[in-house]
Protein backbone atom coordinates (compact mmCIF):
# COMPACT_ATOMS: atom_id res chain seq x y z
CA MET A 1 22.73 -3.94 -12.31
CA LYS A 2 21.01 -0.79 -13.50
CA PRO A 3 18.61 0.79 -10.97
CA VAL A 4 14.91 0.05 -11.42
CA TYR A 5 12.27 2.66 -10.62
CA ILE A 6 8.83 1.32 -9.63
CA SER A 7 6.02 3.66 -10.59
CA ALA A 8 2.24 3.22 -10.43
CA THR A 9 -0.68 4.61 -12.39
CA GLN A 10 -2.75 5.51 -9.33
CA GLN A 11 -3.03 5.06 -5.58
CA ASP A 12 -3.57 1.55 -4.28
CA SER A 13 -2.30 -0.18 -7.42
CA GLY A 14 -0.23 -2.61 -5.34
CA LYS A 15 3.17 -1.01 -5.80
CA THR A 16 4.30 -2.05 -2.31
CA THR A 17 3.46 -5.69 -3.04
CA VAL A 18 5.59 -5.60 -6.18
CA ILE A 19 8.50 -3.93 -4.40
CA VAL A 20 8.51 -6.35 -1.47
CA GLY A 21 8.44 -9.30 -3.85
CA LEU A 22 11.09 -7.84 -6.12
CA LEU A 23 13.47 -7.03 -3.27
CA GLN A 24 13.30 -10.61 -2.03
CA THR A 25 13.59 -12.15 -5.49
CA LEU A 26 16.69 -10.12 -6.34
CA ARG A 27 18.18 -11.12 -3.00
CA ASP A 28 17.47 -14.77 -3.75
CA LEU A 29 19.40 -14.33 -7.01
CA GLY A 30 22.43 -13.23 -4.99
CA HIS A 31 22.20 -9.45 -5.32
CA ASP A 32 22.90 -6.98 -2.53
CA VAL A 33 19.75 -4.89 -2.96
CA GLY A 34 19.28 -1.35 -1.70
CA TYR A 35 16.00 0.56 -1.46
CA MET A 36 15.13 4.21 -1.82
CA LYS A 37 11.99 6.32 -1.94
CA PRO A 38 13.27 9.71 -3.14
CA VAL A 39 10.04 11.62 -2.50
CA GLY A 40 7.72 10.49 0.29
CA GLN A 41 4.27 11.88 0.97
CA ARG A 42 3.28 9.70 3.95
CA TYR A 43 6.00 9.92 6.55
CA VAL A 44 6.52 8.92 10.16
CA ARG A 45 9.06 9.98 12.78
CA PHE A 46 11.84 7.42 12.65
CA GLU A 47 15.17 7.74 14.43
CA GLY A 48 14.59 11.45 14.91
CA ALA A 49 13.72 12.28 11.30
CA ASN A 50 10.69 12.39 9.00
CA VAL A 51 11.00 9.21 6.93
CA ASP A 52 8.51 7.82 4.43
CA GLU A 53 6.61 4.88 5.89
CA ASP A 54 7.50 2.69 2.89
CA ALA A 55 11.19 3.26 3.57
CA VAL A 56 10.63 2.19 7.17
CA LEU A 57 8.87 -0.97 5.91
CA ALA A 58 11.76 -1.84 3.59
CA ARG A 59 14.32 -1.14 6.27
CA GLN A 60 12.65 -3.26 8.94
CA ALA A 61 11.31 -6.10 6.78
CA PHE A 62 14.63 -6.66 5.00
CA GLY A 63 17.05 -5.70 7.76
CA LEU A 64 18.58 -2.83 5.80
CA THR A 65 21.05 -0.72 7.76
CA ASP A 66 21.39 2.27 5.45
CA PHE A 67 20.97 5.78 6.88
CA PRO A 68 17.18 6.42 6.96
CA LEU A 69 17.47 9.84 5.32
CA ASP A 70 19.36 8.28 2.42
CA MET A 71 16.48 5.87 1.92
CA SER A 72 13.95 8.73 2.19
CA PRO A 73 15.72 12.03 1.38
CA VAL A 74 12.67 14.25 0.71
CA ALA A 75 9.56 14.11 2.90
CA VAL A 76 6.68 16.26 1.68
CA GLU A 77 5.62 17.80 4.97
CA ARG A 78 2.57 19.98 5.56
CA GLY A 79 2.94 23.26 3.65
CA PHE A 80 5.91 21.97 1.62
CA THR A 81 4.31 22.45 -1.80
CA GLU A 82 3.01 25.95 -1.13
CA ARG A 83 6.38 27.10 0.21
CA TYR A 84 8.14 25.65 -2.82
CA ILE A 85 5.82 27.35 -5.32
CA PHE A 86 6.75 30.76 -3.90
CA ASP A 87 10.43 29.88 -3.52
CA ARG A 88 11.15 27.64 -6.49
CA ARG A 89 14.60 26.08 -6.13
CA PRO A 90 14.82 22.56 -7.57
CA ALA A 91 18.61 22.27 -7.40
CA PRO A 92 18.91 21.72 -3.60
CA LEU A 93 16.23 19.02 -3.63
CA GLU A 94 17.72 17.32 -6.65
CA GLY A 95 21.15 17.50 -5.06
CA ARG A 96 19.86 15.91 -1.85
CA ILE A 97 18.27 13.04 -3.78
CA ARG A 98 21.28 12.48 -5.99
CA ALA A 99 23.74 12.50 -3.07
CA ALA A 100 21.61 10.02 -1.11
CA PHE A 101 21.35 7.74 -4.13
CA ASP A 102 25.10 7.83 -4.74
CA ARG A 103 25.76 6.77 -1.14
CA LEU A 104 23.36 3.85 -1.45
CA ARG A 105 24.69 2.89 -4.87
CA ALA A 106 28.21 2.72 -3.46
CA VAL A 107 27.27 -0.17 -1.15
CA HIS A 108 24.57 -2.03 -3.12
CA ASP A 109 24.98 -3.64 -6.54
CA ALA A 110 21.22 -3.41 -7.20
CA MET A 111 18.81 -0.59 -6.38
CA VAL A 112 15.01 -0.63 -6.19
CA ILE A 113 13.62 2.90 -6.22
CA GLU A 114 10.00 3.51 -5.27
CA GLY A 115 8.05 6.32 -6.86
CA THR A 116 4.96 8.12 -5.57
CA GLY A 117 1.86 7.60 -7.68
CA HIS A 118 1.78 8.11 -11.45
CA ALA A 119 4.56 9.59 -13.59
CA GLY A 120 3.42 13.18 -13.05
CA VAL A 121 3.06 13.16 -9.25
CA GLY A 122 5.47 15.68 -7.78
CA SER A 123 5.41 17.99 -10.80
CA CYS A 124 4.13 20.81 -8.59
CA PHE A 125 7.57 20.97 -6.94
CA ASP A 126 9.62 19.86 -9.98
CA LEU A 127 10.18 16.33 -8.71
CA SER A 128 7.78 14.26 -10.78
CA ASN A 129 8.46 10.55 -10.94
CA ALA A 130 9.56 11.01 -14.53
CA ARG A 131 12.04 13.73 -13.54
CA VAL A 132 13.44 11.74 -10.59
CA ALA A 133 13.84 8.57 -12.66
CA ASP A 134 15.75 10.62 -15.23
CA LEU A 135 17.87 12.24 -12.52
CA LEU A 136 18.92 8.84 -11.16
CA GLY A 137 19.44 7.16 -14.51
CA ALA A 138 16.86 4.51 -13.64
CA GLN A 139 14.70 2.37 -15.88
CA VAL A 140 11.01 2.17 -15.05
CA LEU A 141 8.58 -0.59 -14.25
CA ILE A 142 4.94 0.59 -14.23
CA VAL A 143 2.44 -1.09 -11.89
CA THR A 144 -1.26 -0.79 -12.66
CA GLU A 145 -4.43 -2.40 -11.40
CA GLY A 146 -6.19 -5.21 -13.24
CA GLY A 147 -8.60 -4.69 -16.11
CA ILE A 148 -8.16 -3.90 -19.78
CA GLY A 149 -9.32 -0.50 -21.03
CA ARG A 150 -8.70 1.51 -17.88
CA ALA A 151 -5.33 -0.12 -17.29
CA LEU A 152 -4.14 0.66 -20.82
CA ASP A 153 -5.41 4.24 -20.67
CA GLU A 154 -3.63 4.92 -17.39
CA VAL A 155 -0.40 3.25 -18.50
CA ALA A 156 -0.43 5.37 -21.67
CA LEU A 157 -0.47 8.61 -19.66
CA SER A 158 2.52 7.62 -17.53
CA TYR A 159 4.37 5.96 -20.39
CA HIS A 160 4.35 9.06 -22.57
CA LEU A 161 5.55 11.32 -19.75
CA PHE A 162 8.45 8.99 -19.01
CA GLN A 163 9.26 9.02 -22.72
CA LYS A 164 9.23 12.82 -22.75
CA HIS A 165 11.91 12.78 -20.04
CA GLY A 166 13.98 10.24 -21.95
CA VAL A 167 13.36 7.47 -19.42
CA GLN A 168 13.17 3.88 -20.63
CA VAL A 169 10.09 1.92 -19.56
CA LEU A 170 11.00 -1.74 -19.16
CA GLY A 171 7.41 -2.91 -19.03
CA VAL A 172 4.22 -3.17 -17.02
CA ILE A 173 3.00 -5.34 -14.15
CA LEU A 174 -0.76 -5.78 -14.02
CA ASN A 175 -1.86 -6.30 -10.43
CA LYS A 176 -5.01 -7.48 -8.60
CA VAL A 177 -6.46 -9.40 -11.55
CA ARG A 178 -9.39 -11.72 -10.83
CA ALA A 179 -8.39 -15.36 -11.14
CA ASP A 180 -11.20 -16.15 -13.58
CA LYS A 181 -10.11 -13.27 -15.85
CA LEU A 182 -6.34 -13.90 -15.93
CA SER A 183 -6.06 -15.44 -19.40
CA LYS A 184 -8.47 -13.03 -21.07
CA VAL A 185 -6.88 -9.95 -19.49
CA GLU A 186 -3.35 -11.12 -20.20
CA ARG A 187 -4.02 -11.60 -23.92
CA ALA A 188 -5.74 -8.25 -24.37
CA VAL A 189 -3.37 -6.16 -22.26
CA SER A 190 -0.26 -7.74 -23.82
CA LYS A 191 -1.53 -6.75 -27.26
CA GLY A 192 -2.57 -3.28 -26.10
CA LEU A 193 0.81 -2.58 -24.50
CA ALA A 194 2.55 -3.69 -27.67
CA HIS A 195 0.56 -1.01 -29.52
CA LEU A 196 1.88 1.54 -27.01
CA GLY A 197 5.46 0.36 -27.46
CA THR A 198 6.01 -1.56 -24.25
CA ARG A 199 5.32 -5.04 -22.83
CA LEU A 200 3.62 -6.96 -20.05
CA LEU A 201 6.17 -8.34 -17.57
CA GLY A 202 3.75 -9.85 -15.10
CA ILE A 203 0.12 -10.40 -14.25
CA VAL A 204 -0.53 -10.76 -10.53
CA PRO A 205 -3.77 -12.34 -9.29
CA TYR A 206 -5.93 -10.62 -6.67
CA ARG A 207 -5.27 -11.72 -3.09
CA SER A 208 -7.62 -10.36 -0.43
CA LEU A 209 -4.96 -10.86 2.26
CA LEU A 210 -2.80 -8.15 0.71
CA VAL A 211 -5.47 -5.46 0.49
CA ASN A 212 -7.51 -5.96 3.65
CA PRO A 213 -6.61 -3.96 6.79
CA ARG A 214 -6.38 -5.24 10.35
CA MET A 215 -8.30 -3.83 13.30
CA ASP A 216 -5.26 -2.11 14.80
CA GLN A 217 -4.82 -0.18 11.54
CA VAL A 218 -8.48 0.82 11.60
CA ALA A 219 -8.11 2.01 15.20
CA ALA A 220 -5.08 4.11 14.31
CA GLU A 221 -6.70 5.67 11.24
CA VAL A 222 -9.90 6.72 13.03
CA GLY A 223 -7.95 7.92 16.08
CA GLY A 224 -9.87 5.56 18.31
CA ARG A 225 -9.26 4.03 21.74
CA ILE A 226 -9.34 0.27 22.21
CA LEU A 227 -11.94 -0.58 24.86
CA CYS A 228 -11.61 -4.37 24.86
CA GLY A 229 -10.59 -7.35 22.75
CA GLY A 230 -6.98 -6.31 22.50
CA GLN A 231 -5.94 -9.93 22.07
CA ALA A 232 -7.75 -9.96 18.71
CA ILE A 233 -6.76 -6.49 17.54
CA THR A 234 -4.93 -7.96 14.52
CA ASN A 235 -8.16 -9.45 13.13
CA THR A 236 -8.44 -8.94 9.37
CA VAL A 237 -11.30 -6.84 7.98
CA GLU A 238 -12.78 -7.97 4.66
CA HIS A 239 -16.13 -6.16 4.75
CA THR A 240 -17.56 -3.10 6.47
CA VAL A 241 -21.15 -2.43 7.47
CA VAL A 242 -22.42 0.88 8.82
CA ALA A 243 -25.03 -0.33 11.29
CA ALA A 244 -27.30 2.70 11.47
CA MET A 245 -30.39 0.64 10.60
CA GLU A 246 -32.57 -1.66 12.69
CA PRO A 247 -30.93 -4.83 14.05
CA GLU A 248 -32.83 -7.27 11.82
CA HIS A 249 -31.41 -5.49 8.78
CA VAL A 250 -27.87 -5.38 10.14
CA CYS A 251 -27.82 -9.19 10.26
CA THR A 252 -28.19 -9.46 6.48
CA TYR A 253 -24.99 -7.46 5.93
CA ILE A 254 -22.70 -9.30 8.33
CA ARG A 255 -20.41 -11.76 6.55
CA GLU A 256 -17.16 -13.38 7.52
CA ASN A 257 -14.59 -10.88 8.85
CA THR A 258 -16.93 -7.87 8.94
CA LEU A 259 -16.17 -4.56 10.63
CA VAL A 260 -19.32 -3.12 12.22
CA VAL A 261 -19.49 0.67 12.56
CA THR A 262 -22.29 1.81 14.83
CA PRO A 263 -23.06 4.57 17.35
CA GLY A 264 -21.90 3.59 20.81
CA ASP A 265 -25.44 4.01 22.19
CA ARG A 266 -26.96 1.54 19.69
CA ILE A 267 -26.88 -1.34 22.18
CA ASP A 268 -29.21 -3.38 19.94
CA ASN A 269 -26.73 -3.41 17.06
CA ILE A 270 -23.82 -4.09 19.39
CA LEU A 271 -25.69 -7.14 20.71
CA VAL A 272 -26.39 -8.29 17.14
CA SER A 273 -22.67 -8.19 16.49
CA ILE A 274 -22.05 -10.39 19.53
CA VAL A 275 -24.71 -12.90 18.46
CA ALA A 276 -23.18 -13.03 14.97
CA CYS A 277 -19.89 -14.30 16.46
CA PRO A 278 -19.74 -18.00 17.31
CA MET A 279 -18.28 -18.67 20.74
CA GLU A 280 -16.27 -21.70 19.56
CA LEU A 281 -12.59 -20.74 19.24
CA ASP A 282 -12.10 -22.64 15.99
CA ALA A 283 -15.24 -21.33 14.28
CA SER A 284 -15.18 -18.82 11.45
CA ARG A 285 -14.98 -15.25 12.69
CA ARG A 286 -17.91 -13.26 11.36
CA VAL A 287 -17.33 -9.92 13.13
CA SER A 288 -13.69 -8.80 13.05
CA GLY A 289 -14.35 -5.81 15.27
CA LEU A 290 -16.54 -2.88 16.21
CA VAL A 291 -15.98 0.85 15.81
CA LEU A 292 -18.30 2.72 18.18
CA THR A 293 -18.94 6.30 17.11
CA GLY A 294 -20.10 9.48 18.77
CA GLY A 295 -17.93 8.97 21.85
CA PHE A 296 -20.73 6.94 23.47
CA HIS A 297 -19.22 4.46 25.90
CA PRO A 298 -21.32 1.27 26.22
CA PRO A 299 -22.17 -0.15 29.65
CA THR A 300 -19.57 -2.29 31.42
CA SER A 301 -21.86 -5.32 31.19
CA ILE A 302 -21.96 -5.03 27.39
CA LEU A 303 -18.17 -4.64 27.19
CA ALA A 304 -17.83 -7.81 29.25
CA LEU A 305 -19.90 -9.70 26.66
CA LEU A 306 -17.81 -8.28 23.83
CA GLU A 307 -14.63 -9.30 25.63
CA LYS A 308 -15.95 -12.83 26.13
CA ALA A 309 -16.85 -13.03 22.43
CA GLY A 310 -13.31 -11.98 21.54
CA ILE A 311 -14.40 -8.90 19.59
CA PRO A 312 -12.02 -5.92 19.56
CA VAL A 313 -13.90 -2.69 20.19
CA VAL A 314 -12.65 0.77 19.22
CA LEU A 315 -14.29 3.94 20.57
CA CYS A 316 -13.98 7.20 18.65
CA SER A 317 -15.52 10.63 19.12
CA GLN A 318 -16.48 11.25 15.49
CA ASP A 319 -20.00 10.73 14.18
CA THR A 320 -20.93 7.63 12.20
CA TYR A 321 -21.04 9.34 8.81
CA SER A 322 -17.60 10.89 9.28
CA VAL A 323 -16.07 7.57 10.31
CA ALA A 324 -17.69 5.75 7.38
CA SER A 325 -16.41 8.38 4.95
CA LEU A 326 -12.94 8.20 6.45
CA LEU A 327 -12.82 4.41 6.16
CA LYS A 328 -13.92 4.59 2.54
CA GLU A 329 -10.99 6.84 1.64
CA MET A 330 -8.34 5.02 3.67
CA ARG A 331 -5.39 3.33 1.97
CA PHE A 332 -4.01 0.53 4.11
CA LYS A 333 -0.43 -0.39 3.31
CA ILE A 334 1.66 -3.43 4.15
CA ARG A 335 3.60 -2.87 7.37
CA ALA A 336 6.80 -4.42 8.68
CA GLU A 337 4.83 -6.37 11.29
CA ASP A 338 2.54 -7.94 8.65
CA ALA A 339 4.70 -11.05 8.25
CA ASP A 340 1.98 -13.04 6.48
CA LYS A 341 1.39 -10.29 3.93
CA ILE A 342 5.10 -9.88 3.28
CA GLU A 343 5.51 -13.60 2.67
CA ALA A 344 2.47 -13.63 0.39
CA ALA A 345 3.87 -10.69 -1.62
CA LYS A 346 7.22 -12.42 -2.04
CA HIS A 347 5.56 -15.59 -3.31
CA LEU A 348 3.15 -13.78 -5.65
CA ILE A 349 5.83 -11.76 -7.41
CA ARG A 350 8.19 -14.70 -7.71
CA GLU A 351 5.41 -16.74 -9.34
CA SER A 352 3.73 -14.02 -11.42
CA VAL A 353 6.47 -11.77 -12.83
CA ASN A 354 8.94 -12.56 -15.61
CA ILE A 355 11.96 -12.00 -13.38
CA SER A 356 14.47 -13.39 -15.89
CA ALA A 357 13.39 -10.85 -18.53
CA LEU A 358 13.49 -8.04 -16.00
CA VAL A 359 16.94 -8.97 -14.70
CA ALA A 360 18.26 -9.32 -18.24
CA ALA A 361 17.00 -5.83 -19.10
CA LEU A 362 18.66 -4.38 -16.00
CA SER A 363 21.97 -6.14 -16.52
CA ASP A 364 24.92 -3.81 -17.04
CA LYS A 365 25.88 -6.05 -19.96
CA HIS A 366 22.50 -5.64 -21.65
């Protein structure tokens, strides 16, 4: 099977969801599937090396045993781009990627390669997605977020750059489409892609489970310390309210699975959050957790109430505005421990993507 390169049109398009589902589907069809992210921009320390976090997810979720640096050969560390610009040498990087790919290809009959962002990302150090796909002889599947005009515009930009590099685009997967818009969007986007010279291979409905973070991820991103409620630290967050207003106004913004961000000395708003949570264990959870800002530690008596209510509380030293801004810009990805999200991704892609057409296009006999 020819290697498939998964590219996106922007951040948070749902590329990880597609890859997780595709890896499992190809496995179910009897393929020995390998994974690679040639250029990683969000890395973690893994087995003594800087490895892209998506490569770690694939390795752990699918039990892959390949050498981590083969799965993630280039990690864009701090200062990497600036150093490269003043010492431009693409050959060593390309050689590292190609050698890693060849080792993986030798033991897997199918390869899923994950790109980083749109087709042009990485151009500043001569490793754009279009260039890397060309280097590895891969065919491309573009993932974009639901809608019509914006989706087509963004696909067009990536599509033409892949064409310029001589890379074949197999088609497009439209992700996160509202259930009530599926038919309308599918008709319009299919026609629009045909005008561009490509096709729609799948339309994936929006699932809140796949895009919403959990409280432990929020705690990690804001650099906070868990004060209590650790047993519920995996609560899902669907909404966020910055509780800098009076308590009676805070109440109107709290819905099911809400994260409340408030200064640690706003005891009134902390108490409102407790009242908003029913004490019955089987009742709907309204407040998923609290992030207390400013480094203000609430009294022990208040923490005891929060613990009893089962609300995880995270304390951070930053001010409320900074935390709110940080949360707005965060991109929460599927992790290896998110078993429910992984299973949901597998099911969604199996049900929503034309796998038979994709496999036929990737067949060595095609």
